[in-house]
Amino acid sequence: MRKHYRHILERGKTTDNESDSEKLIWEADIREYYQWRNVRRFMFILSMIIGFLSVLMLTKTVR
């Protein structure tokens, strides 16, 4: 998976002198970015929950 960020994708839309193949590549990259967005969001939330639970478990062992 290529890493793209929204500002990079938006910047790519403003160029008018692109060839057809470059436009197709940009469209594929945009689709891939939005396809993996929910997975990245889920992994971020899951890692936050695991981190919070590990801190709670650590505080119980310190007492």
N, C-alpha and C. Protein backbone atom coordinates (compact mmCIF):
# COMPACT_ATOMS: atom_id res chain seq x y z
N MET A 1 0.84 -1.18 0.00
CA MET A 1 0.00 0.00 0.00
C MET A 1 0.88 1.24 0.00
N ARG A 2 0.64 2.13 -0.92
CA ARG A 2 1.39 3.38 -0.94
C ARG A 2 0.82 4.32 0.08
N LYS A 3 1.70 5.12 0.66
CA LYS A 3 1.24 6.06 1.67
C LYS A 3 0.92 7.39 1.03
N HIS A 4 -0.31 7.84 1.21
CA HIS A 4 -0.71 9.14 0.69
C HIS A 4 -1.47 9.88 1.79
N TYR A 5 -1.38 11.15 1.72
CA TYR A 5 -2.11 11.99 2.65
C TYR A 5 -3.01 12.91 1.87
N ARG A 6 -4.04 13.40 2.52
CA ARG A 6 -5.08 14.16 1.82
C ARG A 6 -4.51 15.39 1.12
N HIS A 7 -3.58 16.13 1.76
CA HIS A 7 -3.06 17.33 1.11
C HIS A 7 -2.26 17.00 -0.15
N ILE A 8 -1.64 15.84 -0.18
CA ILE A 8 -0.92 15.44 -1.39
C ILE A 8 -1.91 15.11 -2.50
N LEU A 9 -2.99 14.44 -2.14
CA LEU A 9 -4.00 14.09 -3.14
C LEU A 9 -4.70 15.34 -3.67
N GLU A 10 -4.97 16.29 -2.80
CA GLU A 10 -5.62 17.52 -3.25
C GLU A 10 -4.69 18.33 -4.14
N ARG A 11 -3.42 18.35 -3.81
CA ARG A 11 -2.46 19.10 -4.62
C ARG A 11 -2.37 18.50 -6.03
N GLY A 12 -2.51 17.20 -6.13
CA GLY A 12 -2.43 16.54 -7.43
C GLY A 12 -3.59 16.88 -8.34
N LYS A 13 -4.71 17.29 -7.78
CA LYS A 13 -5.87 17.60 -8.61
C LYS A 13 -5.73 18.92 -9.35
N THR A 14 -4.84 19.80 -8.90
CA THR A 14 -4.77 21.13 -9.48
C THR A 14 -3.93 21.20 -10.74
N THR A 15 -3.16 20.18 -11.04
CA THR A 15 -2.31 20.23 -12.24
C THR A 15 -3.14 19.89 -13.48
N ASP A 16 -3.02 20.73 -14.48
CA ASP A 16 -3.80 20.54 -15.70
C ASP A 16 -2.99 19.92 -16.84
N ASN A 17 -1.68 19.87 -16.72
CA ASN A 17 -0.86 19.40 -17.83
C ASN A 17 -0.42 17.94 -17.63
N GLU A 18 -1.27 17.12 -17.04
CA GLU A 18 -0.96 15.71 -16.82
C GLU A 18 -1.38 14.89 -18.04
N SER A 19 -0.68 13.81 -18.23
CA SER A 19 -1.09 12.89 -19.29
C SER A 19 -2.21 11.99 -18.76
N ASP A 20 -2.80 11.23 -19.65
CA ASP A 20 -3.91 10.34 -19.26
C ASP A 20 -3.44 9.27 -18.29
N SER A 21 -2.24 8.75 -18.50
CA SER A 21 -1.75 7.70 -17.61
C SER A 21 -1.51 8.25 -16.20
N GLU A 22 -1.00 9.48 -16.10
CA GLU A 22 -0.80 10.07 -14.78
C GLU A 22 -2.12 10.30 -14.07
N LYS A 23 -3.14 10.71 -14.82
CA LYS A 23 -4.46 10.90 -14.21
C LYS A 23 -5.03 9.58 -13.72
N LEU A 24 -4.83 8.51 -14.49
CA LEU A 24 -5.31 7.20 -14.06
C LEU A 24 -4.58 6.72 -12.81
N ILE A 25 -3.28 7.00 -12.74
CA ILE A 25 -2.51 6.62 -11.55
C ILE A 25 -3.01 7.39 -10.34
N TRP A 26 -3.25 8.69 -10.50
CA TRP A 26 -3.77 9.49 -9.38
C TRP A 26 -5.12 8.97 -8.92
N GLU A 27 -5.99 8.64 -9.86
CA GLU A 27 -7.32 8.12 -9.48
C GLU A 27 -7.20 6.80 -8.75
N ALA A 28 -6.29 5.93 -9.19
CA ALA A 28 -6.09 4.66 -8.51
C ALA A 28 -5.52 4.88 -7.11
N ASP A 29 -4.61 5.83 -6.97
CA ASP A 29 -4.06 6.13 -5.65
C ASP A 29 -5.13 6.68 -4.72
N ILE A 30 -6.00 7.52 -5.24
CA ILE A 30 -7.07 8.09 -4.42
C ILE A 30 -8.02 6.98 -3.96
N ARG A 31 -8.38 6.07 -4.88
CA ARG A 31 -9.25 4.95 -4.50
C ARG A 31 -8.59 4.08 -3.44
N GLU A 32 -7.30 3.83 -3.59
CA GLU A 32 -6.58 3.00 -2.63
C GLU A 32 -6.52 3.68 -1.26
N TYR A 33 -6.31 5.00 -1.26
CA TYR A 33 -6.27 5.76 0.00
C TYR A 33 -7.59 5.63 0.73
N TYR A 34 -8.70 5.83 0.04
CA TYR A 34 -10.00 5.75 0.69
C TYR A 34 -10.38 4.31 1.04
N GLN A 35 -9.87 3.34 0.30
CA GLN A 35 -10.16 1.94 0.59
C GLN A 35 -9.53 1.54 1.92
N TRP A 36 -8.33 1.98 2.19
CA TRP A 36 -7.62 1.59 3.41
C TRP A 36 -7.86 2.54 4.58
N ARG A 37 -8.63 3.60 4.39
CA ARG A 37 -8.85 4.59 5.46
C ARG A 37 -9.54 3.96 6.66
N ASN A 38 -10.56 3.14 6.45
CA ASN A 38 -11.27 2.53 7.57
C ASN A 38 -10.39 1.54 8.32
N VAL A 39 -9.54 0.83 7.60
CA VAL A 39 -8.63 -0.12 8.26
C VAL A 39 -7.65 0.63 9.14
N ARG A 40 -7.09 1.73 8.62
CA ARG A 40 -6.16 2.52 9.43
C ARG A 40 -6.85 3.10 10.65
N ARG A 41 -8.08 3.56 10.49
CA ARG A 41 -8.83 4.11 11.63
C ARG A 41 -9.08 3.03 12.68
N PHE A 42 -9.47 1.82 12.25
CA PHE A 42 -9.71 0.72 13.17
C PHE A 42 -8.43 0.35 13.92
N MET A 43 -7.31 0.26 13.20
CA MET A 43 -6.05 -0.09 13.84
C MET A 43 -5.62 0.98 14.84
N PHE A 44 -5.85 2.24 14.54
CA PHE A 44 -5.51 3.31 15.47
C PHE A 44 -6.33 3.21 16.74
N ILE A 45 -7.64 3.00 16.60
CA ILE A 45 -8.51 2.89 17.78
C ILE A 45 -8.16 1.66 18.58
N LEU A 46 -7.88 0.55 17.91
CA LEU A 46 -7.49 -0.68 18.60
C LEU A 46 -6.19 -0.50 19.37
N SER A 47 -5.22 0.17 18.78
CA SER A 47 -3.95 0.40 19.48
C SER A 47 -4.14 1.33 20.67
N MET A 48 -5.03 2.30 20.57
CA MET A 48 -5.31 3.19 21.71
C MET A 48 -5.95 2.41 22.85
N ILE A 49 -6.88 1.52 22.54
CA ILE A 49 -7.53 0.70 23.56
C ILE A 49 -6.51 -0.23 24.22
N ILE A 50 -5.66 -0.86 23.43
CA ILE A 50 -4.64 -1.75 23.98
C ILE A 50 -3.67 -0.96 24.86
N GLY A 51 -3.29 0.21 24.44
CA GLY A 51 -2.41 1.06 25.25
C GLY A 51 -3.07 1.45 26.56
N PHE A 52 -4.32 1.82 26.52
CA PHE A 52 -5.05 2.20 27.73
C PHE A 52 -5.16 1.02 28.69
N LEU A 53 -5.48 -0.16 28.15
CA LEU A 53 -5.59 -1.34 28.99
C LEU A 53 -4.25 -1.74 29.60
N SER A 54 -3.18 -1.59 28.84
CA SER A 54 -1.86 -1.93 29.39
C SER A 54 -1.46 -0.97 30.49
N VAL A 55 -1.81 0.30 30.36
CA VAL A 55 -1.53 1.26 31.44
C VAL A 55 -2.35 0.90 32.67
N LEU A 56 -3.61 0.52 32.50
CA LEU A 56 -4.42 0.11 33.64
C LEU A 56 -3.84 -1.13 34.33
N MET A 57 -3.40 -2.10 33.56
CA MET A 57 -2.82 -3.30 34.13
C MET A 57 -1.49 -2.97 34.86
N LEU A 58 -0.74 -2.05 34.31
CA LEU A 58 0.51 -1.65 34.95
C LEU A 58 0.26 -0.93 36.27
N THR A 59 -0.78 -0.11 36.33
CA THR A 59 -1.08 0.59 37.59
C THR A 59 -1.56 -0.40 38.66
N LYS A 60 -2.23 -1.46 38.25
CA LYS A 60 -2.67 -2.45 39.23
C LYS A 60 -1.48 -3.21 39.82
N THR A 61 -0.46 -3.46 39.01
CA THR A 61 0.70 -4.20 39.51
C THR A 61 1.60 -3.35 40.38
N VAL A 62 1.55 -2.04 40.22
CA VAL A 62 2.39 -1.14 41.03
C VAL A 62 1.85 -1.02 42.43
N ARG A 63 0.56 -1.07 42.62
CA ARG A 63 -0.05 -0.93 43.94
C ARG A 63 0.35 -2.02 44.81
